[in-house]
Amino acid sequence: MRGVERLLGVSYRSLSDWEQSKLSPTIKTMPKIIQFIGYDPFEDASPLSDRRKNADVPKTPGA
């Protein structure tokens, strides 16, 4: 295995397929990818209730 593949615990073929948008990484692989790139897209996620309040979305249809 090569460097990145070894760090992520995947095959060269898997990494190549991701890069070519043939396949997406599995949820099991996501934490390793996040650690590797140093960015967590879920870190700033707020609860749906908070996002709803900030968007002024009615709570019930027709409200």
N, C-alpha and C. Protein backbone atom coordinates (compact mmCIF):
# COMPACT_ATOMS: atom_id res chain seq x y z
N MET A 1 0.83 -1.19 0.00
CA MET A 1 0.00 0.00 0.00
C MET A 1 0.87 1.24 0.00
N ARG A 2 0.35 2.28 -0.54
CA ARG A 2 1.05 3.56 -0.58
C ARG A 2 0.70 4.38 0.66
N GLY A 3 1.25 5.56 0.78
CA GLY A 3 1.09 6.39 1.97
C GLY A 3 -0.33 6.71 2.38
N VAL A 4 -1.06 7.42 1.51
CA VAL A 4 -2.42 7.85 1.86
C VAL A 4 -3.34 6.65 2.05
N GLU A 5 -3.23 5.68 1.17
CA GLU A 5 -4.07 4.49 1.28
C GLU A 5 -3.83 3.78 2.62
N ARG A 6 -2.57 3.72 3.02
CA ARG A 6 -2.23 3.07 4.28
C ARG A 6 -2.82 3.85 5.46
N LEU A 7 -2.68 5.18 5.43
CA LEU A 7 -3.23 6.01 6.51
C LEU A 7 -4.75 5.87 6.63
N LEU A 8 -5.42 5.75 5.49
CA LEU A 8 -6.88 5.65 5.49
C LEU A 8 -7.37 4.21 5.62
N GLY A 9 -6.47 3.26 5.43
CA GLY A 9 -6.86 1.86 5.53
C GLY A 9 -7.69 1.38 4.36
N VAL A 10 -7.40 1.92 3.17
CA VAL A 10 -8.14 1.53 1.97
C VAL A 10 -7.17 1.12 0.87
N SER A 11 -7.70 0.54 -0.18
CA SER A 11 -6.86 0.13 -1.30
C SER A 11 -6.61 1.30 -2.24
N TYR A 12 -5.59 1.14 -3.07
CA TYR A 12 -5.31 2.14 -4.10
C TYR A 12 -6.52 2.29 -5.01
N ARG A 13 -7.16 1.20 -5.33
CA ARG A 13 -8.33 1.21 -6.21
C ARG A 13 -9.47 2.04 -5.61
N SER A 14 -9.70 1.89 -4.31
CA SER A 14 -10.75 2.68 -3.65
C SER A 14 -10.45 4.16 -3.74
N LEU A 15 -9.23 4.53 -3.41
CA LEU A 15 -8.84 5.94 -3.45
C LEU A 15 -8.97 6.49 -4.87
N SER A 16 -8.54 5.73 -5.84
CA SER A 16 -8.65 6.14 -7.24
C SER A 16 -10.11 6.32 -7.65
N ASP A 17 -10.98 5.41 -7.22
CA ASP A 17 -12.40 5.52 -7.54
C ASP A 17 -13.03 6.77 -6.91
N TRP A 18 -12.60 7.11 -5.69
CA TRP A 18 -13.11 8.33 -5.05
C TRP A 18 -12.68 9.55 -5.85
N GLU A 19 -11.41 9.58 -6.23
CA GLU A 19 -10.87 10.73 -6.96
C GLU A 19 -11.56 10.93 -8.30
N GLN A 20 -12.01 9.84 -8.91
CA GLN A 20 -12.66 9.92 -10.21
C GLN A 20 -14.19 9.98 -10.09
N SER A 21 -14.68 10.12 -8.87
CA SER A 21 -16.12 10.18 -8.58
C SER A 21 -16.88 8.95 -9.05
N LYS A 22 -16.20 7.82 -9.06
CA LYS A 22 -16.86 6.56 -9.41
C LYS A 22 -17.57 5.98 -8.19
N LEU A 23 -16.99 6.19 -7.03
CA LEU A 23 -17.54 5.75 -5.76
C LEU A 23 -17.32 6.83 -4.71
N SER A 24 -18.05 6.74 -3.62
CA SER A 24 -17.85 7.64 -2.48
C SER A 24 -17.29 6.84 -1.31
N PRO A 25 -16.54 7.49 -0.44
CA PRO A 25 -16.03 6.79 0.74
C PRO A 25 -17.18 6.31 1.63
N THR A 26 -16.95 5.25 2.36
CA THR A 26 -17.97 4.76 3.29
C THR A 26 -17.97 5.62 4.55
N ILE A 27 -19.03 5.55 5.28
CA ILE A 27 -19.14 6.31 6.53
C ILE A 27 -18.04 5.87 7.51
N LYS A 28 -17.65 4.62 7.43
CA LYS A 28 -16.59 4.09 8.30
C LYS A 28 -15.25 4.78 8.03
N THR A 29 -15.04 5.20 6.81
CA THR A 29 -13.78 5.83 6.41
C THR A 29 -13.74 7.33 6.71
N MET A 30 -14.89 7.95 6.88
CA MET A 30 -14.97 9.40 7.04
C MET A 30 -14.10 9.95 8.19
N PRO A 31 -14.12 9.37 9.38
CA PRO A 31 -13.27 9.93 10.44
C PRO A 31 -11.78 9.96 10.07
N LYS A 32 -11.31 8.94 9.37
CA LYS A 32 -9.91 8.92 8.96
C LYS A 32 -9.63 10.00 7.91
N ILE A 33 -10.58 10.21 7.01
CA ILE A 33 -10.42 11.25 5.98
C ILE A 33 -10.41 12.63 6.65
N ILE A 34 -11.34 12.85 7.57
CA ILE A 34 -11.40 14.12 8.30
C ILE A 34 -10.09 14.38 9.03
N GLN A 35 -9.57 13.36 9.69
CA GLN A 35 -8.31 13.51 10.40
C GLN A 35 -7.17 13.81 9.42
N PHE A 36 -7.15 13.13 8.30
CA PHE A 36 -6.09 13.31 7.31
C PHE A 36 -6.07 14.73 6.73
N ILE A 37 -7.26 15.24 6.35
CA ILE A 37 -7.29 16.56 5.73
C ILE A 37 -7.31 17.69 6.76
N GLY A 38 -7.62 17.37 8.00
CA GLY A 38 -7.60 18.38 9.04
C GLY A 38 -8.78 19.32 9.04
N TYR A 39 -9.88 18.89 8.47
CA TYR A 39 -11.09 19.72 8.42
C TYR A 39 -12.30 18.84 8.70
N ASP A 40 -13.13 19.27 9.64
CA ASP A 40 -14.33 18.52 9.98
C ASP A 40 -15.55 19.32 9.53
N PRO A 41 -16.22 18.89 8.46
CA PRO A 41 -17.37 19.64 7.97
C PRO A 41 -18.56 19.59 8.93
N PHE A 42 -18.52 18.70 9.90
CA PHE A 42 -19.63 18.57 10.84
C PHE A 42 -19.39 19.33 12.14
N GLU A 43 -18.21 19.90 12.31
CA GLU A 43 -17.85 20.55 13.55
C GLU A 43 -18.76 21.72 13.89
N ASP A 44 -19.13 22.53 12.91
CA ASP A 44 -19.95 23.71 13.15
C ASP A 44 -21.44 23.47 12.96
N ALA A 45 -21.82 22.23 12.85
CA ALA A 45 -23.24 21.91 12.62
C ALA A 45 -24.05 22.29 13.85
N SER A 46 -25.12 23.01 13.63
CA SER A 46 -26.02 23.37 14.73
C SER A 46 -27.28 22.51 14.63
N PRO A 47 -27.98 22.37 15.74
CA PRO A 47 -29.21 21.57 15.72
C PRO A 47 -30.24 22.16 14.74
N LEU A 48 -31.07 21.31 14.19
CA LEU A 48 -32.09 21.74 13.24
C LEU A 48 -32.99 22.80 13.85
N SER A 49 -33.31 22.68 15.13
CA SER A 49 -34.19 23.67 15.77
C SER A 49 -33.57 25.07 15.73
N ASP A 50 -32.24 25.16 15.93
CA ASP A 50 -31.57 26.46 15.87
C ASP A 50 -31.58 27.01 14.46
N ARG A 51 -31.32 26.16 13.48
CA ARG A 51 -31.32 26.61 12.09
C ARG A 51 -32.71 27.07 11.67
N ARG A 52 -33.73 26.40 12.20
CA ARG A 52 -35.11 26.75 11.86
C ARG A 52 -35.45 28.13 12.43
N LYS A 53 -35.04 28.40 13.66
CA LYS A 53 -35.31 29.70 14.28
C LYS A 53 -34.64 30.81 13.48
N ASN A 54 -33.41 30.59 13.07
CA ASN A 54 -32.66 31.62 12.35
C ASN A 54 -33.18 31.83 10.93
N ALA A 55 -33.89 30.88 10.38
CA ALA A 55 -34.38 30.98 9.00
C ALA A 55 -35.81 31.52 8.93
N ASP A 56 -36.45 31.78 10.07
CA ASP A 56 -37.83 32.26 10.11
C ASP A 56 -38.78 31.35 9.34
N VAL A 57 -38.63 30.04 9.52
CA VAL A 57 -39.48 29.05 8.88
C VAL A 57 -40.69 28.81 9.78
N PRO A 58 -41.90 28.88 9.24
CA PRO A 58 -43.08 28.61 10.07
C PRO A 58 -43.04 27.20 10.65
N LYS A 59 -43.54 27.06 11.89
CA LYS A 59 -43.53 25.76 12.54
C LYS A 59 -44.61 24.83 11.99
N THR A 60 -45.71 25.40 11.54
CA THR A 60 -46.78 24.59 10.98
C THR A 60 -47.17 25.15 9.61
N PRO A 61 -47.65 24.29 8.74
CA PRO A 61 -48.06 24.78 7.41
C PRO A 61 -49.15 25.84 7.56
N GLY A 62 -49.03 26.91 6.83
CA GLY A 62 -50.03 27.98 6.83
C GLY A 62 -49.89 28.94 7.99
N ALA A 63 -48.89 28.76 8.83
CA ALA A 63 -48.75 29.64 10.00
C ALA A 63 -48.11 30.95 9.63
